[in-house]
C-alpha atoms as a PDB file:
ATOM      1  CA  UNK A   1       7.192  24.539 -18.736  1.00  0.00           C
ATOM      2  CA  UNK A   2       6.574  23.534 -22.340  1.00  0.00           C
ATOM      3  CA  UNK A   3       3.457  21.651 -23.422  1.00  0.00           C
ATOM      4  CA  UNK A   4       5.432  18.423 -24.178  1.00  0.00           C
ATOM      5  CA  UNK A   5       6.934  18.504 -20.662  1.00  0.00           C
ATOM      6  CA  UNK A   6       3.499  19.004 -19.153  1.00  0.00           C
ATOM      7  CA  UNK A   7       2.094  16.159 -21.263  1.00  0.00           C
ATOM      8  CA  UNK A   8       4.834  13.781 -20.089  1.00  0.00           C
ATOM      9  CA  UNK A   9       4.233  14.798 -16.461  1.00  0.00           C
ATOM     10  CA  UNK A  10       0.501  14.157 -16.716  1.00  0.00           C
ATOM     11  CA  UNK A  11       1.102  10.868 -18.558  1.00  0.00           C
ATOM     12  CA  UNK A  12       3.416   9.603 -15.800  1.00  0.00           C
ATOM     13  CA  UNK A  13       0.876  10.720 -13.203  1.00  0.00           C
ATOM     14  CA  UNK A  14      -1.977   8.840 -14.910  1.00  0.00           C
ATOM     15  CA  UNK A  15       0.058   5.655 -15.448  1.00  0.00           C
ATOM     16  CA  UNK A  16       1.244   5.628 -11.831  1.00  0.00           C
ATOM     17  CA  UNK A  17      -2.289   6.177 -10.541  1.00  0.00           C
ATOM     18  CA  UNK A  18      -3.747   3.423 -12.738  1.00  0.00           C
ATOM     19  CA  UNK A  19      -1.067   0.876 -11.860  1.00  0.00           C
ATOM     20  CA  UNK A  20      -1.086   1.825  -8.188  1.00  0.00           C
ATOM     21  CA  UNK A  21      -4.857   1.810  -7.877  1.00  0.00           C
ATOM     22  CA  UNK A  22      -5.439  -1.449  -9.768  1.00  0.00           C
ATOM     23  CA  UNK A  23      -2.656  -3.259  -7.908  1.00  0.00           C
ATOM     24  CA  UNK A  24      -3.999  -2.158  -4.516  1.00  0.00           C
ATOM     25  CA  UNK A  25      -7.498  -3.300  -5.484  1.00  0.00           C
ATOM     26  CA  UNK A  26      -6.242  -6.714  -6.616  1.00  0.00           C
ATOM     27  CA  UNK A  27      -4.033  -7.045  -3.553  1.00  0.00           C
ATOM     28  CA  UNK A  28      -6.887  -6.139  -1.225  1.00  0.00           C
ATOM     29  CA  UNK A  29      -9.113  -8.786  -2.798  1.00  0.00           C
ATOM     30  CA  UNK A  30      -6.224 -11.259  -2.599  1.00  0.00           C
ATOM     31  CA  UNK A  31      -5.882 -10.576   1.130  1.00  0.00           C
ATOM     32  CA  UNK A  32      -9.642 -11.038   1.515  1.00  0.00           C
ATOM     33  CA  UNK A  33      -9.304 -14.527   0.069  1.00  0.00           C
ATOM     34  CA  UNK A  34      -9.844 -14.284  -3.691  1.00  0.00           C
ATOM     35  CA  UNK A  35      -7.462 -16.040  -6.068  1.00  0.00           C
ATOM     36  CA  UNK A  36      -6.550 -14.401  -9.385  1.00  0.00           C
ATOM     37  CA  UNK A  37      -3.933 -16.952 -10.463  1.00  0.00           C
ATOM     38  CA  UNK A  38      -3.850 -16.955 -14.269  1.00  0.00           C
ATOM     39  CA  UNK A  39      -2.051 -20.272 -14.612  1.00  0.00           C
ATOM     40  CA  UNK A  40      -1.140 -23.220 -12.428  1.00  0.00           C
ATOM     41  CA  UNK A  41       2.383 -24.482 -13.063  1.00  0.00           C
ATOM     42  CA  UNK A  42       1.733 -27.949 -11.640  1.00  0.00           C
ATOM     43  CA  UNK A  43       4.419 -27.683  -8.981  1.00  0.00           C
ATOM     44  CA  UNK A  44       4.530 -29.986  -5.993  1.00  0.00           C
ATOM     45  CA  UNK A  45       4.317 -28.506  -2.515  1.00  0.00           C
ATOM     46  CA  UNK A  46       8.028 -27.633  -2.412  1.00  0.00           C
ATOM     47  CA  UNK A  47       7.845 -26.009  -5.832  1.00  0.00           C
ATOM     48  CA  UNK A  48       4.751 -24.008  -4.906  1.00  0.00           C
ATOM     49  CA  UNK A  49       6.306 -22.654  -1.729  1.00  0.00           C
ATOM     50  CA  UNK A  50       9.635 -21.900  -3.431  1.00  0.00           C
ATOM     51  CA  UNK A  51       7.926 -20.025  -6.287  1.00  0.00           C
ATOM     52  CA  UNK A  52       5.659 -18.062  -3.949  1.00  0.00           C
ATOM     53  CA  UNK A  53       8.590 -17.174  -1.709  1.00  0.00           C
ATOM     54  CA  UNK A  54      10.482 -15.853  -4.749  1.00  0.00           C
ATOM     55  CA  UNK A  55       7.484 -13.686  -5.713  1.00  0.00           C
ATOM     56  CA  UNK A  56       7.432 -12.237  -2.197  1.00  0.00           C
ATOM     57  CA  UNK A  57      11.189 -11.628  -2.266  1.00  0.00           C
ATOM     58  CA  UNK A  58      10.861  -9.879  -5.641  1.00  0.00           C
ATOM     59  CA  UNK A  59       8.275  -7.540  -4.134  1.00  0.00           C
ATOM     60  CA  UNK A  60      10.385  -6.944  -1.022  1.00  0.00           C
ATOM     61  CA  UNK A  61      13.526  -6.255  -3.068  1.00  0.00           C
ATOM     62  CA  UNK A  62      11.777  -3.791  -5.374  1.00  0.00           C
ATOM     63  CA  UNK A  63      10.175  -1.929  -2.480  1.00  0.00           C
ATOM     64  CA  UNK A  64      13.309  -1.826  -0.360  1.00  0.00           C
ATOM     65  CA  UNK A  65      15.775  -1.002  -3.142  1.00  0.00           C
ATOM     66  CA  UNK A  66      13.803   1.872  -4.659  1.00  0.00           C
ATOM     67  CA  UNK A  67      13.393   3.734  -1.353  1.00  0.00           C
ATOM     68  CA  UNK A  68      17.105   3.680  -0.568  1.00  0.00           C
ATOM     69  CA  UNK A  69      18.882   7.022  -0.808  1.00  0.00           C
ATOM     70  CA  UNK A  70      21.652   5.615  -2.995  1.00  0.00           C
ATOM     71  CA  UNK A  71      19.189   4.278  -5.564  1.00  0.00           C
ATOM     72  CA  UNK A  72      17.333   7.593  -5.702  1.00  0.00           C
ATOM     73  CA  UNK A  73      20.605   9.452  -6.211  1.00  0.00           C
ATOM     74  CA  UNK A  74      21.564   7.213  -9.128  1.00  0.00           C
ATOM     75  CA  UNK A  75      18.056   7.474 -10.573  1.00  0.00           C
ATOM     76  CA  UNK A  76      18.253  11.257 -10.274  1.00  0.00           C
ATOM     77  CA  UNK A  77      21.035  11.300 -12.855  1.00  0.00           C
ATOM     78  CA  UNK A  78      18.607  10.248 -15.604  1.00  0.00           C
ATOM     79  CA  UNK A  79      15.145  10.983 -14.152  1.00  0.00           C
ATOM     80  CA  UNK A  80      14.060  14.273 -12.497  1.00  0.00           C
ATOM     81  CA  UNK A  81      13.355  13.938  -8.763  1.00  0.00           C
ATOM     82  CA  UNK A  82       9.681  14.910  -9.076  1.00  0.00           C
ATOM     83  CA  UNK A  83       9.050  11.682 -11.026  1.00  0.00           C
ATOM     84  CA  UNK A  84      10.608   9.340  -8.455  1.00  0.00           C
ATOM     85  CA  UNK A  85       7.489   8.802  -6.334  1.00  0.00           C
ATOM     86  CA  UNK A  86       5.328   8.035  -9.357  1.00  0.00           C
ATOM     87  CA  UNK A  87       7.924   5.665 -10.822  1.00  0.00           C
ATOM     88  CA  UNK A  88       8.133   3.889  -7.480  1.00  0.00           C
ATOM     89  CA  UNK A  89       4.347   3.502  -7.486  1.00  0.00           C
ATOM     90  CA  UNK A  90       4.298   2.223 -11.072  1.00  0.00           C
ATOM     91  CA  UNK A  91       7.079  -0.304 -10.433  1.00  0.00           C
ATOM     92  CA  UNK A  92       5.421  -1.442  -7.203  1.00  0.00           C
ATOM     93  CA  UNK A  93       2.122  -1.830  -9.059  1.00  0.00           C
ATOM     94  CA  UNK A  94       3.672  -4.020 -11.754  1.00  0.00           C
ATOM     95  CA  UNK A  95       5.432  -6.255  -9.222  1.00  0.00           C
ATOM     96  CA  UNK A  96       2.353  -6.509  -6.988  1.00  0.00           C
ATOM     97  CA  UNK A  97       0.095  -7.410  -9.921  1.00  0.00           C
ATOM     98  CA  UNK A  98       2.658 -10.031 -10.960  1.00  0.00           C
ATOM     99  CA  UNK A  99       2.617 -11.507  -7.461  1.00  0.00           C
ATOM    100  CA  UNK A 100      -1.182 -11.743  -7.374  1.00  0.00           C
ATOM    101  CA  UNK A 101      -1.608 -13.121 -10.907  1.00  0.00           C
ATOM    102  CA  UNK A 102       1.146 -15.735 -10.728  1.00  0.00           C
ATOM    103  CA  UNK A 103       0.718 -16.791  -7.097  1.00  0.00           C
ATOM    104  CA  UNK A 104       0.540 -20.578  -6.830  1.00  0.00           C
ATOM    105  CA  UNK A 105      -2.062 -22.076  -4.489  1.00  0.00           C
ATOM    106  CA  UNK A 106      -1.544 -25.131  -2.334  1.00  0.00           C
ATOM    107  CA  UNK A 107      -4.404 -27.516  -1.650  1.00  0.00           C
ATOM    108  CA  UNK A 108      -3.454 -28.203   1.956  1.00  0.00           C
ATOM    109  CA  UNK A 109      -5.697 -26.237   4.322  1.00  0.00           C
ATOM    110  CA  UNK A 110      -4.446 -25.520   7.836  1.00  0.00           C
ATOM    111  CA  UNK A 111      -7.424 -23.539   9.172  1.00  0.00           C
ATOM    112  CA  UNK A 112     -10.837 -22.896   7.636  1.00  0.00           C
ATOM    113  CA  UNK A 113     -13.102 -20.660   9.685  1.00  0.00           C
ATOM    114  CA  UNK A 114     -16.837 -21.205   9.352  1.00  0.00           C
ATOM    115  CA  UNK A 115     -20.085 -19.543  10.378  1.00  0.00           C
ATOM    116  CA  UNK A 116     -19.640 -16.812  13.010  1.00  0.00           C
ATOM    117  CA  UNK A 117     -15.850 -17.076  13.093  1.00  0.00           C
ATOM    118  CA  UNK A 118     -15.690 -16.509   9.349  1.00  0.00           C
ATOM    119  CA  UNK A 119     -17.839 -13.397   9.566  1.00  0.00           C
ATOM    120  CA  UNK A 120     -15.712 -12.121  12.436  1.00  0.00           C
ATOM    121  CA  UNK A 121     -12.583 -12.538  10.307  1.00  0.00           C
ATOM    122  CA  UNK A 122     -14.246 -10.582   7.501  1.00  0.00           C
ATOM    123  CA  UNK A 123     -15.191  -7.930  10.057  1.00  0.00           C
ATOM    124  CA  UNK A 124     -11.535  -7.597  11.090  1.00  0.00           C
ATOM    125  CA  UNK A 125     -10.567  -7.211   7.433  1.00  0.00           C
ATOM    126  CA  UNK A 126     -13.018  -4.380   6.772  1.00  0.00           C
ATOM    127  CA  UNK A 127     -12.135  -2.755  10.093  1.00  0.00           C
ATOM    128  CA  UNK A 128      -8.485  -2.786   9.010  1.00  0.00           C
ATOM    129  CA  UNK A 129      -9.425  -1.061   5.740  1.00  0.00           C
ATOM    130  CA  UNK A 130     -11.302   1.596   7.709  1.00  0.00           C
ATOM    131  CA  UNK A 131      -8.257   1.967   9.945  1.00  0.00           C
ATOM    132  CA  UNK A 132      -5.991   2.515   6.929  1.00  0.00           C
ATOM    133  CA  UNK A 133      -8.303   5.230   5.626  1.00  0.00           C
ATOM    134  CA  UNK A 134      -8.330   6.811   9.087  1.00  0.00           C
ATOM    135  CA  UNK A 135      -4.524   6.732   9.203  1.00  0.00           C
ATOM    136  CA  UNK A 136      -4.156   8.290   5.745  1.00  0.00           C
ATOM    137  CA  UNK A 137      -6.727  10.958   6.587  1.00  0.00           C
ATOM    138  CA  UNK A 138      -4.833  11.797   9.773  1.00  0.00           C
ATOM    139  CA  UNK A 139      -1.772  12.597   7.666  1.00  0.00           C
ATOM    140  CA  UNK A 140      -3.821  15.061   5.558  1.00  0.00           C
ATOM    141  CA  UNK A 141      -1.237  15.247   2.769  1.00  0.00           C
ATOM    142  CA  UNK A 142      -0.614  11.487   2.451  1.00  0.00           C
ATOM    143  CA  UNK A 143       0.555  10.866  -1.137  1.00  0.00           C
ATOM    144  CA  UNK A 144      -0.790   7.398  -1.994  1.00  0.00           C
ATOM    145  CA  UNK A 145       0.556   7.203  -5.552  1.00  0.00           C
ATOM    146  CA  UNK A 146       3.569   9.493  -5.304  1.00  0.00           C
ATOM    147  CA  UNK A 147       2.032  12.118  -7.572  1.00  0.00           C
ATOM    148  CA  UNK A 148       2.155  15.154  -5.304  1.00  0.00           C
ATOM    149  CA  UNK A 149       5.622  16.222  -6.451  1.00  0.00           C
ATOM    150  CA  UNK A 150       4.547  15.968 -10.082  1.00  0.00           C
ATOM    151  CA  UNK A 151       1.546  18.195  -9.420  1.00  0.00           C
ATOM    152  CA  UNK A 152       3.766  20.616  -7.546  1.00  0.00           C
ATOM    153  CA  UNK A 153       6.141  20.654 -10.514  1.00  0.00           C
ATOM    154  CA  UNK A 154       3.298  21.249 -12.999  1.00  0.00           C
ATOM    155  CA  UNK A 155       1.935  24.106 -10.893  1.00  0.00           C
ATOM    156  CA  UNK A 156       5.418  25.513 -10.267  1.00  0.00           C
ATOM    157  CA  UNK A 157       4.614  25.506  -6.561  1.00  0.00           C
ATOM    158  CA  UNK A 158       6.932  25.171  -3.582  1.00  0.00           C
ATOM    159  CA  UNK A 159       7.435  21.695  -2.088  1.00  0.00           C
ATOM    160  CA  UNK A 160       6.504  21.784   1.586  1.00  0.00           C
ATOM    161  CA  UNK A 161       8.252  19.667   4.190  1.00  0.00           C
ATOM    162  CA  UNK A 162       6.099  16.985   5.778  1.00  0.00           C
ATOM    163  CA  UNK A 163       5.538  17.674   9.498  1.00  0.00           C
ATOM    164  CA  UNK A 164       5.540  14.960  12.130  1.00  0.00           C
ATOM    165  CA  UNK A 165       1.852  13.995  12.341  1.00  0.00           C
ATOM    166  CA  UNK A 166       0.770  12.829  15.802  1.00  0.00           C
ATOM    167  CA  UNK A 167      -2.990  12.712  15.513  1.00  0.00           C
ATOM    168  CA  UNK A 168      -5.736  10.215  14.851  1.00  0.00           C
ATOM    169  CA  UNK A 169      -4.416   6.641  15.211  1.00  0.00           C
ATOM    170  CA  UNK A 170      -0.854   7.977  15.478  1.00  0.00           C
ATOM    171  CA  UNK A 171      -1.645   8.890  19.081  1.00  0.00           C
ATOM    172  CA  UNK A 172      -1.843   5.163  19.954  1.00  0.00           C
ATOM    173  CA  UNK A 173       0.648   3.532  17.573  1.00  0.00           C
ATOM    174  CA  UNK A 174       3.551   5.026  15.623  1.00  0.00           C
ATOM    175  CA  UNK A 175       2.843   3.063  12.435  1.00  0.00           C
ATOM    176  CA  UNK A 176      -0.918   2.504  12.225  1.00  0.00           C
ATOM    177  CA  UNK A 177      -0.888   1.814   8.481  1.00  0.00           C
ATOM    178  CA  UNK A 178       1.465  -1.106   9.029  1.00  0.00           C
ATOM    179  CA  UNK A 179      -0.577  -2.294  12.012  1.00  0.00           C
ATOM    180  CA  UNK A 180      -3.804  -2.314  10.004  1.00  0.00           C
ATOM    181  CA  UNK A 181      -2.010  -4.021   7.105  1.00  0.00           C
ATOM    182  CA  UNK A 182      -0.976  -6.815   9.464  1.00  0.00           C
ATOM    183  CA  UNK A 183      -4.585  -7.161  10.608  1.00  0.00           C
ATOM    184  CA  UNK A 184      -5.724  -7.444   6.986  1.00  0.00           C
ATOM    185  CA  UNK A 185      -3.042 -10.012   6.196  1.00  0.00           C
ATOM    186  CA  UNK A 186      -3.967 -12.292   9.094  1.00  0.00           C
ATOM    187  CA  UNK A 187      -7.756 -11.910   8.780  1.00  0.00           C
ATOM    188  CA  UNK A 188      -8.179 -14.310   5.842  1.00  0.00           C
ATOM    189  CA  UNK A 189     -10.513 -17.109   7.032  1.00  0.00           C
ATOM    190  CA  UNK A 190      -8.833 -19.716   4.804  1.00  0.00           C
ATOM    191  CA  UNK A 191      -5.287 -20.396   5.967  1.00  0.00           C
ATOM    192  CA  UNK A 192      -3.590 -22.684   3.473  1.00  0.00           C
ATOM    193  CA  UNK A 193       0.098 -23.577   3.470  1.00  0.00           C
ATOM    194  CA  UNK A 194       0.876 -21.016   0.772  1.00  0.00           C
ATOM    195  CA  UNK A 195      -1.110 -18.324   2.593  1.00  0.00           C
ATOM    196  CA  UNK A 196       0.728 -19.071   5.841  1.00  0.00           C
ATOM    197  CA  UNK A 197       4.007 -18.598   3.973  1.00  0.00           C
ATOM    198  CA  UNK A 198       2.733 -15.300   2.583  1.00  0.00           C
ATOM    199  CA  UNK A 199       1.571 -14.096   6.014  1.00  0.00           C
ATOM    200  CA  UNK A 200       4.839 -14.964   7.737  1.00  0.00           C
ATOM    201  CA  UNK A 201       7.089 -13.449   5.056  1.00  0.00           C
ATOM    202  CA  UNK A 202       5.080 -10.225   4.813  1.00  0.00           C
ATOM    203  CA  UNK A 203       4.949  -9.899   8.596  1.00  0.00           C
ATOM    204  CA  UNK A 204       8.730 -10.233   8.852  1.00  0.00           C
ATOM    205  CA  UNK A 205       9.213  -7.739   6.031  1.00  0.00           C
ATOM    206  CA  UNK A 206       6.857  -5.200   7.609  1.00  0.00           C
ATOM    207  CA  UNK A 207       8.636  -5.458  10.973  1.00  0.00           C
ATOM    208  CA  UNK A 208      12.082  -5.051   9.385  1.00  0.00           C
ATOM    209  CA  UNK A 209      10.849  -2.190   7.181  1.00  0.00           C
ATOM    210  CA  UNK A 210       9.341  -0.452  10.202  1.00  0.00           C
ATOM    211  CA  UNK A 211      12.616  -0.651  12.112  1.00  0.00           C
ATOM    212  CA  UNK A 212      14.517   0.823   9.159  1.00  0.00           C
ATOM    213  CA  UNK A 213      11.935   3.588   8.789  1.00  0.00           C
ATOM    214  CA  UNK A 214      12.235   4.346  12.501  1.00  0.00           C
ATOM    215  CA  UNK A 215      15.949   4.977  12.017  1.00  0.00           C
ATOM    216  CA  UNK A 216      15.237   7.497   9.245  1.00  0.00           C
ATOM    217  CA  UNK A 217      12.551   9.233  11.312  1.00  0.00           C
ATOM    218  CA  UNK A 218      14.880   9.626  14.283  1.00  0.00           C
ATOM    219  CA  UNK A 219      17.504  11.153  11.989  1.00  0.00           C
ATOM    220  CA  UNK A 220      14.928  13.589  10.576  1.00  0.00           C
ATOM    221  CA  UNK A 221      12.977  14.624  13.688  1.00  0.00           C
ATOM    222  CA  UNK A 222      15.613  13.835  16.365  1.00  0.00           C
ATOM    223  CA  UNK A 223      14.500  14.505  19.979  1.00  0.00           C
ATOM    224  CA  UNK A 224      10.865  15.000  19.012  1.00  0.00           C
ATOM    225  CA  UNK A 225      10.685  11.516  17.568  1.00  0.00           C
ATOM    226  CA  UNK A 226      12.727   9.985  20.382  1.00  0.00           C
ATOM    227  CA  UNK A 227      10.135  11.302  22.843  1.00  0.00           C
ATOM    228  CA  UNK A 228       7.380   9.910  20.610  1.00  0.00           C
ATOM    229  CA  UNK A 229       9.119   6.516  20.625  1.00  0.00           C
ATOM    230  CA  UNK A 230       9.247   6.459  24.421  1.00  0.00           C
ATOM    231  CA  UNK A 231       5.545   7.207  24.804  1.00  0.00           C
ATOM    232  CA  UNK A 232       3.836   5.387  21.902  1.00  0.00           C
ATOM    233  CA  UNK A 233       4.219   1.722  20.818  1.00  0.00           C
ATOM    234  CA  UNK A 234       5.725   1.041  17.393  1.00  0.00           C
ATOM    235  CA  UNK A 235       3.355  -1.523  15.816  1.00  0.00           C
ATOM    236  CA  UNK A 236       0.929  -2.900  18.405  1.00  0.00           C
ATOM    237  CA  UNK A 237      -1.266  -0.270  20.153  1.00  0.00           C
ATOM    238  CA  UNK A 238      -1.161  -1.887  23.594  1.00  0.00           C
ATOM    239  CA  UNK A 239      -1.250   1.446  25.496  1.00  0.00           C
ATOM    240  CA  UNK A 240      -4.843   2.284  24.514  1.00  0.00           C
ATOM    241  CA  UNK A 241      -5.490   3.945  27.860  1.00  0.00           C
ATOM    242  CA  UNK A 242      -2.572   6.362  27.392  1.00  0.00           C
ATOM    243  CA  UNK A 243      -2.861   8.198  24.037  1.00  0.00           C
ATOM    244  CA  UNK A 244      -0.170  10.656  23.008  1.00  0.00           C
ATOM    245  CA  UNK A 245      -1.011  14.346  23.462  1.00  0.00           C
END
C-alpha cells in the first residue's frame, strides 16, 4: 500500500469516527430531552409534524437504502468495499445531525412527568445506555463506526467472518440493542406532540428493520438461527426465566 492510499484510508476512518461519534452524542442528548434546534420555521402544528416526519423518513431512507445489497454492489463499482462501512457511518452521521438540528418543536405537551416519576424515566434512559454498552461488549468485535474493514485493509490482515453471538443480553432477546434503543426513545419525561410522532415513527422503523434483519440472519446462519428464533424473543425479553444456553 502506498503512503497516499494509507493517508486516504486513515482520513476516511477519522471523518467517519468524528461524524458517527458526534451524531450519536447529539442524538443521545436529544432522546434525553434536550433540544438543539438551530432555527424555528414558524410552522403551525400541521407544518411542524409534516416537517419532522420528513426528517425521520430521510433518516430511515438513508439507513435502509445504504444497507441493501444492491446499493452496496453499485457503490462497489466506484468505492472499494473496505470503505463502505465508514461511508455508511459518515452519511448516517450527517443525516442524524441534520434531524437533530432542524427538528421543529411543538408547544403542545401530552405528558410531563414530575418529581419521582421524572427521575424514574431518567433512570430508564441511563439503564438503556448501560444495556447498549453491555450488548456491544457481548459482541466483542462490534464495529460501531464501520472502521474495522479499513483497519484490516491498512494492516493487510484477513477479514474474519462474524460468528453468531449468543451471550450476554443475547441470551434473553435476539436484538438487545434495538430493545434498549426503544427504552431510550420512550423514556423522555416530556412527551410533546412532535416527540410522540418521533417515538411512533422510530418504533415502527425499528420493528420493520428488525424483521428484515431477521430474514438476512436466517439466510446466513440457517438452522442455528431458526433454533435461536424458537427459543429467544425477538425484541421484548419476556422469557427472563428461560435464558438461552
